[in-house]
N, C-alpha and C. Protein backbone atom coordinates (compact mmCIF):
# COMPACT_ATOMS: atom_id res chain seq x y z
N MET A 1 -77.47 93.21 88.36
CA MET A 1 -77.31 94.18 87.31
C MET A 1 -78.65 94.32 86.60
N ALA A 2 -79.12 95.53 86.42
CA ALA A 2 -80.41 95.73 85.78
C ALA A 2 -80.29 96.39 84.41
N GLN A 3 -79.32 97.30 84.23
CA GLN A 3 -79.17 97.96 82.95
C GLN A 3 -77.70 97.99 82.57
N ALA A 4 -77.44 97.75 81.30
CA ALA A 4 -76.06 97.69 80.82
C ALA A 4 -75.91 98.54 79.57
N LEU A 5 -74.74 99.16 79.42
CA LEU A 5 -74.40 99.92 78.23
C LEU A 5 -73.58 99.00 77.33
N GLU A 6 -74.18 98.58 76.22
CA GLU A 6 -73.55 97.62 75.33
C GLU A 6 -73.17 98.26 74.00
N PHE A 7 -72.02 97.86 73.48
CA PHE A 7 -71.55 98.26 72.16
C PHE A 7 -71.68 97.03 71.26
N HIS A 8 -72.57 97.10 70.26
CA HIS A 8 -72.87 95.97 69.38
C HIS A 8 -71.99 96.01 68.13
N PHE A 9 -71.79 94.82 67.53
CA PHE A 9 -70.86 94.65 66.43
C PHE A 9 -71.53 94.71 65.05
N ASP A 10 -70.68 94.92 64.04
CA ASP A 10 -71.11 94.88 62.64
C ASP A 10 -71.49 93.45 62.25
N GLY A 11 -72.08 93.30 61.08
CA GLY A 11 -72.59 92.01 60.64
C GLY A 11 -71.54 90.90 60.58
N ASP A 12 -70.34 91.21 60.08
CA ASP A 12 -69.31 90.18 59.97
C ASP A 12 -68.87 89.69 61.34
N ALA A 13 -68.61 90.61 62.26
CA ALA A 13 -68.19 90.23 63.61
C ALA A 13 -69.33 89.51 64.34
N ASP A 14 -70.55 90.01 64.16
CA ASP A 14 -71.72 89.36 64.76
C ASP A 14 -71.80 87.90 64.30
N ALA A 15 -71.65 87.69 62.99
CA ALA A 15 -71.73 86.33 62.44
C ALA A 15 -70.58 85.45 62.96
N ALA A 16 -69.40 86.02 63.10
CA ALA A 16 -68.25 85.25 63.61
C ALA A 16 -68.49 84.80 65.05
N VAL A 17 -69.01 85.70 65.89
CA VAL A 17 -69.29 85.34 67.28
C VAL A 17 -70.42 84.31 67.34
N ARG A 18 -71.46 84.52 66.53
CA ARG A 18 -72.55 83.54 66.50
C ARG A 18 -72.04 82.16 66.05
N GLY A 19 -71.05 82.15 65.17
CA GLY A 19 -70.43 80.89 64.76
C GLY A 19 -69.74 80.19 65.93
N LEU A 20 -69.09 80.98 66.80
CA LEU A 20 -68.46 80.41 68.00
C LEU A 20 -69.53 79.88 68.95
N TRP A 21 -70.64 80.62 69.09
CA TRP A 21 -71.75 80.14 69.92
C TRP A 21 -72.25 78.79 69.40
N ARG A 22 -72.36 78.69 68.06
CA ARG A 22 -72.85 77.45 67.44
C ARG A 22 -71.87 76.31 67.72
N ARG A 23 -70.56 76.58 67.63
CA ARG A 23 -69.56 75.53 67.92
C ARG A 23 -69.70 75.04 69.36
N LEU A 24 -69.95 75.96 70.29
CA LEU A 24 -70.17 75.54 71.67
C LEU A 24 -71.42 74.67 71.77
N ALA A 25 -72.52 75.12 71.15
CA ALA A 25 -73.77 74.36 71.20
C ALA A 25 -73.61 72.98 70.57
N ASP A 26 -72.84 72.91 69.48
CA ASP A 26 -72.59 71.62 68.83
C ASP A 26 -71.84 70.66 69.75
N ASN A 27 -71.16 71.22 70.74
CA ASN A 27 -70.43 70.42 71.73
C ASN A 27 -71.19 70.34 73.05
N HIS A 28 -72.50 70.64 72.99
CA HIS A 28 -73.40 70.52 74.15
C HIS A 28 -73.03 71.44 75.31
N ILE A 29 -72.58 72.65 74.95
CA ILE A 29 -72.25 73.66 75.95
C ILE A 29 -73.14 74.87 75.69
N SER A 30 -73.96 75.23 76.67
CA SER A 30 -74.84 76.39 76.50
C SER A 30 -74.00 77.65 76.37
N SER A 31 -74.35 78.48 75.41
CA SER A 31 -73.62 79.73 75.20
C SER A 31 -74.54 80.90 75.48
N ASN A 32 -73.99 82.10 75.37
CA ASN A 32 -74.81 83.29 75.56
C ASN A 32 -75.89 83.42 74.49
N GLY A 33 -75.61 82.94 73.30
CA GLY A 33 -76.55 83.13 72.20
C GLY A 33 -77.39 81.93 71.84
N ILE A 34 -77.08 80.76 72.42
CA ILE A 34 -77.83 79.56 72.09
C ILE A 34 -78.11 78.80 73.38
N SER A 35 -79.37 78.55 73.64
CA SER A 35 -79.75 77.79 74.83
C SER A 35 -80.56 76.58 74.39
N SER A 36 -80.19 75.42 74.87
CA SER A 36 -80.86 74.16 74.50
C SER A 36 -80.88 73.96 72.99
N GLY A 37 -79.81 74.40 72.32
CA GLY A 37 -79.69 74.22 70.88
C GLY A 37 -80.46 75.22 70.04
N VAL A 38 -81.16 76.16 70.68
CA VAL A 38 -81.99 77.13 69.95
C VAL A 38 -81.34 78.51 70.02
N PRO A 39 -81.04 79.12 68.83
CA PRO A 39 -80.46 80.47 68.84
C PRO A 39 -81.39 81.48 69.50
N SER A 40 -80.81 82.42 70.22
CA SER A 40 -81.59 83.47 70.87
C SER A 40 -81.43 84.76 70.08
N PRO A 41 -82.45 85.15 69.30
CA PRO A 41 -82.33 86.36 68.49
C PRO A 41 -82.22 87.62 69.33
N ALA A 42 -82.65 87.57 70.58
CA ALA A 42 -82.61 88.76 71.43
C ALA A 42 -81.20 89.06 71.92
N THR A 43 -80.31 88.08 71.89
CA THR A 43 -78.95 88.27 72.37
C THR A 43 -78.05 88.66 71.22
N SER A 44 -77.42 89.82 71.31
CA SER A 44 -76.50 90.28 70.29
C SER A 44 -75.08 90.22 70.82
N PRO A 45 -74.12 89.77 70.00
CA PRO A 45 -72.73 89.84 70.42
C PRO A 45 -72.36 91.29 70.73
N HIS A 46 -71.64 91.48 71.85
CA HIS A 46 -71.36 92.84 72.29
C HIS A 46 -70.22 92.86 73.30
N VAL A 47 -69.77 94.08 73.60
CA VAL A 47 -68.89 94.35 74.73
C VAL A 47 -69.64 95.31 75.63
N THR A 48 -69.70 95.00 76.92
CA THR A 48 -70.37 95.87 77.89
C THR A 48 -69.37 96.89 78.41
N PHE A 49 -69.72 98.17 78.32
CA PHE A 49 -68.85 99.25 78.79
C PHE A 49 -69.21 99.70 80.19
N ALA A 50 -70.45 99.50 80.61
CA ALA A 50 -70.88 99.93 81.94
C ALA A 50 -72.15 99.19 82.31
N ALA A 51 -72.40 99.10 83.61
CA ALA A 51 -73.64 98.50 84.09
C ALA A 51 -73.97 99.12 85.44
N ALA A 52 -75.27 99.21 85.70
CA ALA A 52 -75.73 99.82 86.95
C ALA A 52 -77.14 99.34 87.23
N GLY A 53 -77.60 99.60 88.45
CA GLY A 53 -78.98 99.29 88.79
C GLY A 53 -79.94 100.00 87.86
N THR A 54 -79.68 101.28 87.62
CA THR A 54 -80.47 102.06 86.66
C THR A 54 -79.57 103.08 85.97
N ILE A 55 -79.88 103.34 84.72
CA ILE A 55 -79.26 104.43 83.97
C ILE A 55 -80.42 105.35 83.58
N PRO A 56 -80.64 106.41 84.37
CA PRO A 56 -81.82 107.27 84.18
C PRO A 56 -81.87 107.96 82.81
N ALA A 57 -83.06 108.40 82.43
CA ALA A 57 -83.28 109.05 81.13
C ALA A 57 -82.37 110.26 80.93
N ALA A 58 -82.20 111.10 81.95
CA ALA A 58 -81.34 112.28 81.81
C ALA A 58 -79.89 111.88 81.57
N THR A 59 -79.47 110.81 82.19
CA THR A 59 -78.11 110.32 81.98
C THR A 59 -77.96 109.75 80.58
N ARG A 60 -78.98 109.07 80.09
CA ARG A 60 -78.94 108.55 78.72
C ARG A 60 -78.84 109.69 77.71
N ALA A 61 -79.56 110.77 77.97
CA ALA A 61 -79.49 111.94 77.08
C ALA A 61 -78.08 112.51 77.06
N ALA A 62 -77.46 112.61 78.23
CA ALA A 62 -76.08 113.11 78.31
C ALA A 62 -75.13 112.16 77.58
N LEU A 63 -75.35 110.86 77.72
CA LEU A 63 -74.53 109.89 77.01
C LEU A 63 -74.69 110.03 75.50
N ARG A 64 -75.94 110.21 75.04
CA ARG A 64 -76.19 110.39 73.60
C ARG A 64 -75.37 111.56 73.07
N ASP A 65 -75.41 112.68 73.80
CA ASP A 65 -74.67 113.87 73.38
C ASP A 65 -73.17 113.61 73.31
N ASP A 66 -72.62 113.00 74.36
CA ASP A 66 -71.18 112.73 74.39
C ASP A 66 -70.77 111.70 73.34
N LEU A 67 -71.56 110.66 73.17
CA LEU A 67 -71.21 109.61 72.22
C LEU A 67 -71.19 110.12 70.78
N ARG A 68 -71.99 111.14 70.48
CA ARG A 68 -71.98 111.72 69.13
C ARG A 68 -70.66 112.42 68.83
N LEU A 69 -69.97 112.87 69.88
CA LEU A 69 -68.71 113.60 69.71
C LEU A 69 -67.50 112.68 69.63
N LEU A 70 -67.66 111.43 70.03
CA LEU A 70 -66.53 110.51 70.12
C LEU A 70 -66.35 109.70 68.84
N SER A 71 -65.10 109.47 68.51
CA SER A 71 -64.76 108.52 67.46
C SER A 71 -64.71 107.14 68.12
N ILE A 72 -65.55 106.25 67.67
CA ILE A 72 -65.65 104.92 68.29
C ILE A 72 -64.72 103.96 67.53
N PRO A 73 -63.70 103.45 68.20
CA PRO A 73 -62.74 102.57 67.50
C PRO A 73 -63.31 101.17 67.26
N SER A 74 -62.74 100.50 66.28
CA SER A 74 -63.03 99.07 66.10
C SER A 74 -62.31 98.31 67.20
N LEU A 75 -62.80 97.12 67.48
CA LEU A 75 -62.18 96.26 68.49
C LEU A 75 -61.57 95.05 67.80
N TRP A 76 -60.46 94.60 68.32
CA TRP A 76 -59.89 93.32 67.91
C TRP A 76 -60.16 92.33 69.02
N LEU A 77 -61.04 91.39 68.77
CA LEU A 77 -61.33 90.33 69.74
C LEU A 77 -60.43 89.15 69.38
N SER A 78 -59.45 88.89 70.22
CA SER A 78 -58.45 87.93 69.77
C SER A 78 -57.93 86.95 70.81
N ILE A 79 -58.25 87.14 72.06
CA ILE A 79 -57.68 86.26 73.09
C ILE A 79 -58.81 85.50 73.76
N LEU A 80 -58.79 84.19 73.62
CA LEU A 80 -59.79 83.34 74.26
C LEU A 80 -59.40 83.18 75.73
N THR A 81 -60.30 83.57 76.62
CA THR A 81 -60.03 83.45 78.05
C THR A 81 -61.05 82.52 78.70
N ALA A 82 -60.61 81.90 79.76
CA ALA A 82 -61.47 81.00 80.52
C ALA A 82 -61.19 81.22 81.99
N ALA A 83 -62.13 81.87 82.67
CA ALA A 83 -61.95 82.13 84.10
C ALA A 83 -63.31 82.29 84.76
N ASP A 84 -63.38 81.89 86.01
CA ASP A 84 -64.59 82.07 86.81
C ASP A 84 -65.86 81.57 86.11
N GLY A 85 -65.76 80.43 85.44
CA GLY A 85 -66.93 79.85 84.80
C GLY A 85 -67.37 80.55 83.53
N GLU A 86 -66.50 81.37 82.94
CA GLU A 86 -66.87 82.16 81.78
C GLU A 86 -65.84 81.96 80.66
N LEU A 87 -66.33 81.70 79.46
CA LEU A 87 -65.50 81.71 78.26
C LEU A 87 -65.77 83.02 77.55
N ALA A 88 -64.71 83.72 77.17
CA ALA A 88 -64.89 85.02 76.52
C ALA A 88 -63.76 85.29 75.54
N LEU A 89 -64.03 86.17 74.59
CA LEU A 89 -62.99 86.74 73.74
C LEU A 89 -62.69 88.12 74.28
N THR A 90 -61.46 88.36 74.66
CA THR A 90 -61.12 89.68 75.17
C THR A 90 -60.65 90.57 74.03
N ALA A 91 -60.89 91.86 74.20
CA ALA A 91 -60.50 92.84 73.21
C ALA A 91 -59.08 93.33 73.50
N VAL A 92 -58.35 93.63 72.44
CA VAL A 92 -57.05 94.25 72.60
C VAL A 92 -57.30 95.67 73.10
N VAL A 93 -56.64 96.03 74.19
CA VAL A 93 -56.86 97.34 74.81
C VAL A 93 -55.82 98.33 74.28
N ASP A 94 -56.31 99.47 73.80
CA ASP A 94 -55.41 100.54 73.38
C ASP A 94 -55.92 101.87 73.94
N THR A 95 -55.18 102.94 73.70
CA THR A 95 -55.54 104.23 74.29
C THR A 95 -56.87 104.74 73.77
N GLU A 96 -57.19 104.48 72.51
CA GLU A 96 -58.49 104.91 71.96
C GLU A 96 -59.66 104.27 72.70
N LEU A 97 -59.55 102.97 72.88
CA LEU A 97 -60.62 102.23 73.57
C LEU A 97 -60.76 102.71 75.02
N LEU A 98 -59.63 102.89 75.70
CA LEU A 98 -59.68 103.36 77.08
C LEU A 98 -60.23 104.78 77.17
N ALA A 99 -59.95 105.62 76.17
CA ALA A 99 -60.47 106.99 76.17
C ALA A 99 -61.99 106.99 76.05
N VAL A 100 -62.54 106.14 75.18
CA VAL A 100 -64.00 106.05 75.04
C VAL A 100 -64.61 105.53 76.33
N HIS A 101 -64.01 104.50 76.90
CA HIS A 101 -64.51 103.94 78.16
C HIS A 101 -64.49 104.99 79.26
N SER A 102 -63.41 105.74 79.36
CA SER A 102 -63.30 106.79 80.38
C SER A 102 -64.34 107.89 80.15
N ALA A 103 -64.55 108.28 78.90
CA ALA A 103 -65.54 109.32 78.59
C ALA A 103 -66.95 108.86 78.99
N VAL A 104 -67.26 107.60 78.73
CA VAL A 104 -68.56 107.04 79.13
C VAL A 104 -68.73 107.16 80.64
N HIS A 105 -67.71 106.79 81.38
CA HIS A 105 -67.81 106.80 82.84
C HIS A 105 -67.76 108.22 83.42
N ASP A 106 -67.16 109.16 82.70
CA ASP A 106 -67.23 110.56 83.13
C ASP A 106 -68.68 111.03 83.13
N VAL A 107 -69.45 110.62 82.12
CA VAL A 107 -70.87 111.00 82.05
C VAL A 107 -71.67 110.27 83.13
N LEU A 108 -71.36 109.02 83.36
CA LEU A 108 -72.14 108.22 84.31
C LEU A 108 -71.86 108.56 85.77
N ALA A 109 -70.68 109.11 86.04
CA ALA A 109 -70.27 109.36 87.43
C ALA A 109 -71.32 110.17 88.18
N LYS A 110 -71.72 109.67 89.32
CA LYS A 110 -72.70 110.29 90.23
C LYS A 110 -74.09 110.44 89.63
N ARG A 111 -74.34 109.80 88.47
CA ARG A 111 -75.65 109.91 87.83
C ARG A 111 -76.39 108.58 87.78
N VAL A 112 -75.70 107.49 88.10
CA VAL A 112 -76.35 106.18 88.07
C VAL A 112 -76.38 105.59 89.47
N LYS A 113 -77.34 104.73 89.69
CA LYS A 113 -77.44 104.04 90.98
C LYS A 113 -76.82 102.66 90.85
N GLN A 114 -76.11 102.27 91.87
CA GLN A 114 -75.51 100.94 91.96
C GLN A 114 -74.65 100.58 90.75
N PRO A 115 -73.60 101.40 90.46
CA PRO A 115 -72.72 101.02 89.36
C PRO A 115 -72.01 99.69 89.67
N VAL A 116 -71.83 98.89 88.66
CA VAL A 116 -71.18 97.59 88.83
C VAL A 116 -69.67 97.79 88.72
N ALA A 117 -68.96 97.45 89.78
CA ALA A 117 -67.53 97.75 89.90
C ALA A 117 -66.68 97.13 88.80
N ARG A 118 -67.03 95.95 88.30
CA ARG A 118 -66.18 95.30 87.30
C ARG A 118 -66.12 96.05 85.97
N TYR A 119 -67.02 97.03 85.78
CA TYR A 119 -67.01 97.81 84.55
C TYR A 119 -66.40 99.20 84.72
N LEU A 120 -65.99 99.54 85.92
CA LEU A 120 -65.41 100.85 86.18
C LEU A 120 -63.98 100.92 85.65
N PRO A 121 -63.52 102.13 85.28
CA PRO A 121 -62.13 102.28 84.84
C PRO A 121 -61.17 101.71 85.89
N GLY A 122 -60.19 100.99 85.41
CA GLY A 122 -59.22 100.36 86.29
C GLY A 122 -59.58 98.92 86.63
N SER A 123 -60.85 98.55 86.48
CA SER A 123 -61.29 97.18 86.76
C SER A 123 -61.80 96.47 85.51
N TRP A 124 -62.15 97.23 84.50
CA TRP A 124 -62.82 96.72 83.31
C TRP A 124 -61.89 95.90 82.43
N MET A 125 -62.37 94.77 81.99
CA MET A 125 -61.69 93.97 80.99
C MET A 125 -62.66 93.82 79.82
N PRO A 126 -62.43 94.57 78.74
CA PRO A 126 -63.37 94.50 77.62
C PRO A 126 -63.37 93.11 77.00
N ARG A 127 -64.57 92.53 76.91
CA ARG A 127 -64.67 91.17 76.40
C ARG A 127 -66.07 90.92 75.85
N CYS A 128 -66.12 89.95 74.97
CA CYS A 128 -67.39 89.45 74.44
C CYS A 128 -67.58 88.07 75.05
N VAL A 129 -68.55 87.95 75.93
CA VAL A 129 -68.78 86.68 76.63
C VAL A 129 -69.40 85.67 75.66
N LEU A 130 -68.80 84.50 75.63
CA LEU A 130 -69.30 83.42 74.78
C LEU A 130 -70.19 82.46 75.56
N ALA A 131 -69.83 82.20 76.81
CA ALA A 131 -70.62 81.31 77.68
C ALA A 131 -70.28 81.64 79.12
N ARG A 132 -71.28 81.48 80.00
CA ARG A 132 -71.03 81.75 81.43
C ARG A 132 -71.67 80.67 82.28
N ASP A 133 -71.32 80.72 83.56
CA ASP A 133 -71.84 79.75 84.53
C ASP A 133 -71.50 78.31 84.15
N LEU A 134 -70.29 78.12 83.64
CA LEU A 134 -69.86 76.79 83.24
C LEU A 134 -69.17 76.07 84.39
N GLU A 135 -69.37 74.78 84.44
CA GLU A 135 -68.65 73.92 85.37
C GLU A 135 -67.24 73.70 84.81
N PRO A 136 -66.28 73.32 85.65
CA PRO A 136 -64.90 73.12 85.16
C PRO A 136 -64.79 72.20 83.94
N ALA A 137 -65.53 71.11 83.91
CA ALA A 137 -65.47 70.20 82.76
C ALA A 137 -66.00 70.88 81.50
N GLU A 138 -67.04 71.71 81.65
CA GLU A 138 -67.59 72.45 80.50
C GLU A 138 -66.60 73.49 80.01
N MET A 139 -65.89 74.13 80.94
CA MET A 139 -64.87 75.12 80.57
C MET A 139 -63.80 74.46 79.70
N THR A 140 -63.33 73.31 80.15
CA THR A 140 -62.29 72.59 79.41
C THR A 140 -62.80 72.17 78.03
N ALA A 141 -64.01 71.63 77.98
CA ALA A 141 -64.60 71.20 76.70
C ALA A 141 -64.85 72.40 75.78
N GLY A 142 -65.33 73.50 76.35
CA GLY A 142 -65.59 74.69 75.56
C GLY A 142 -64.31 75.28 74.98
N PHE A 143 -63.29 75.34 75.79
CA PHE A 143 -62.00 75.86 75.32
C PHE A 143 -61.48 74.98 74.19
N ALA A 144 -61.56 73.67 74.38
CA ALA A 144 -61.09 72.73 73.35
C ALA A 144 -61.91 72.86 72.06
N ALA A 145 -63.21 73.10 72.19
CA ALA A 145 -64.08 73.23 71.01
C ALA A 145 -63.77 74.49 70.20
N LEU A 146 -63.28 75.52 70.86
CA LEU A 146 -63.06 76.81 70.18
C LEU A 146 -61.62 77.07 69.78
N TYR A 147 -60.68 76.44 70.47
CA TYR A 147 -59.27 76.76 70.25
C TYR A 147 -58.76 76.07 68.99
N PRO A 148 -57.97 76.74 68.14
CA PRO A 148 -57.62 78.16 68.22
C PRO A 148 -58.73 79.02 67.62
N VAL A 149 -58.82 80.25 68.09
CA VAL A 149 -59.81 81.20 67.61
C VAL A 149 -59.11 82.24 66.75
N ALA A 150 -59.64 82.46 65.56
CA ALA A 150 -59.11 83.52 64.70
C ALA A 150 -59.53 84.87 65.26
N SER A 151 -58.66 85.86 65.13
CA SER A 151 -59.01 87.22 65.58
C SER A 151 -60.22 87.72 64.81
N ILE A 152 -61.07 88.46 65.51
CA ILE A 152 -62.27 89.05 64.92
C ILE A 152 -62.15 90.56 65.02
N LYS A 153 -62.20 91.25 63.87
CA LYS A 153 -62.24 92.71 63.90
C LYS A 153 -63.70 93.11 63.98
N ALA A 154 -64.06 93.76 65.07
CA ALA A 154 -65.45 94.14 65.31
C ALA A 154 -65.60 95.65 65.23
N LYS A 155 -66.30 96.10 64.21
CA LYS A 155 -66.67 97.51 64.13
C LYS A 155 -67.92 97.68 64.98
N ILE A 156 -67.97 98.77 65.72
CA ILE A 156 -69.14 99.05 66.55
C ILE A 156 -70.18 99.73 65.68
N THR A 157 -71.38 99.18 65.63
CA THR A 157 -72.44 99.74 64.79
C THR A 157 -73.58 100.34 65.59
N GLU A 158 -73.66 99.98 66.88
CA GLU A 158 -74.79 100.44 67.68
C GLU A 158 -74.39 100.45 69.15
N ILE A 159 -74.83 101.48 69.85
CA ILE A 159 -74.60 101.58 71.29
C ILE A 159 -75.97 101.68 71.95
N VAL A 160 -76.24 100.76 72.87
CA VAL A 160 -77.57 100.67 73.47
C VAL A 160 -77.49 100.51 74.98
N VAL A 161 -78.56 100.93 75.65
CA VAL A 161 -78.77 100.56 77.05
C VAL A 161 -79.76 99.41 77.02
N VAL A 162 -79.39 98.32 77.67
CA VAL A 162 -80.23 97.12 77.71
C VAL A 162 -80.70 96.88 79.13
N ASP A 163 -81.99 96.66 79.29
CA ASP A 163 -82.52 96.22 80.57
C ASP A 163 -82.26 94.72 80.63
N THR A 164 -81.41 94.30 81.54
CA THR A 164 -80.98 92.90 81.57
C THR A 164 -82.07 91.95 82.06
N HIS A 165 -83.14 92.48 82.62
CA HIS A 165 -84.24 91.63 83.07
C HIS A 165 -85.29 91.44 81.97
N THR A 166 -85.61 92.51 81.26
CA THR A 166 -86.67 92.44 80.25
C THR A 166 -86.15 92.30 78.82
N GLY A 167 -84.88 92.65 78.59
CA GLY A 167 -84.33 92.64 77.24
C GLY A 167 -84.64 93.90 76.46
N GLU A 168 -85.40 94.80 77.05
CA GLU A 168 -85.76 96.06 76.39
C GLU A 168 -84.49 96.87 76.12
N THR A 169 -84.42 97.50 74.92
CA THR A 169 -83.24 98.29 74.56
C THR A 169 -83.61 99.73 74.23
N ASP A 170 -82.66 100.60 74.47
CA ASP A 170 -82.77 102.02 74.12
C ASP A 170 -81.51 102.36 73.34
N VAL A 171 -81.65 102.61 72.03
CA VAL A 171 -80.50 102.91 71.18
C VAL A 171 -80.02 104.33 71.48
N LEU A 172 -78.75 104.44 71.89
CA LEU A 172 -78.16 105.75 72.15
C LEU A 172 -77.44 106.29 70.93
N ARG A 173 -76.87 105.40 70.14
CA ARG A 173 -76.19 105.83 68.92
C ARG A 173 -76.19 104.68 67.92
N ASP A 174 -76.60 105.01 66.70
CA ASP A 174 -76.56 104.05 65.60
C ASP A 174 -75.49 104.55 64.64
N LEU A 175 -74.35 103.89 64.62
CA LEU A 175 -73.23 104.34 63.81
C LEU A 175 -73.40 104.01 62.34
N GLU A 176 -74.33 103.11 62.00
CA GLU A 176 -74.57 102.78 60.60
C GLU A 176 -75.36 103.87 59.89
N ASP A 177 -76.29 104.50 60.60
CA ASP A 177 -77.07 105.56 59.95
C ASP A 177 -76.57 106.95 60.32
N GLY A 178 -75.49 107.01 61.10
CA GLY A 178 -74.87 108.29 61.43
C GLY A 178 -75.47 109.03 62.60
N SER A 179 -76.45 108.45 63.28
CA SER A 179 -77.05 109.18 64.41
C SER A 179 -76.32 108.93 65.70
């Protein structure tokens, strides 16, 4: 995966997820936001809506136009999941969320190279990854360190394309300043 379309959270939700990352780190489990005990400022809590080898500039422009027309719902991150070496908080799925996801993929269809199947409509499970590439013992310890998890209401404040290799971002919509 080289480029991803990420929906970033408001300050309260961001802080809540970072708190979960810290709890994992305190239990010696590397998380998405903390590696070797050091917070990674470049990693923002998010839900990925799409990913592909490349999301070209013309496609980003089309996404910007469409995203301005959409009402972006808040997410409820409430179910702690542990599967395939990944700990995540999954979002409650409703028709609003699925409509935004579908609209995003309508724009991306036939315009991106190497779309990642797990993010396509019908396969997508909206989630905020807390830790990945965990061994079974780490999964068990991580789940125990986090359970129970209080629900997090995450307002979307920014939609970006992220180059997963370089960390470079391109803001498509900033919902805090209205653009």
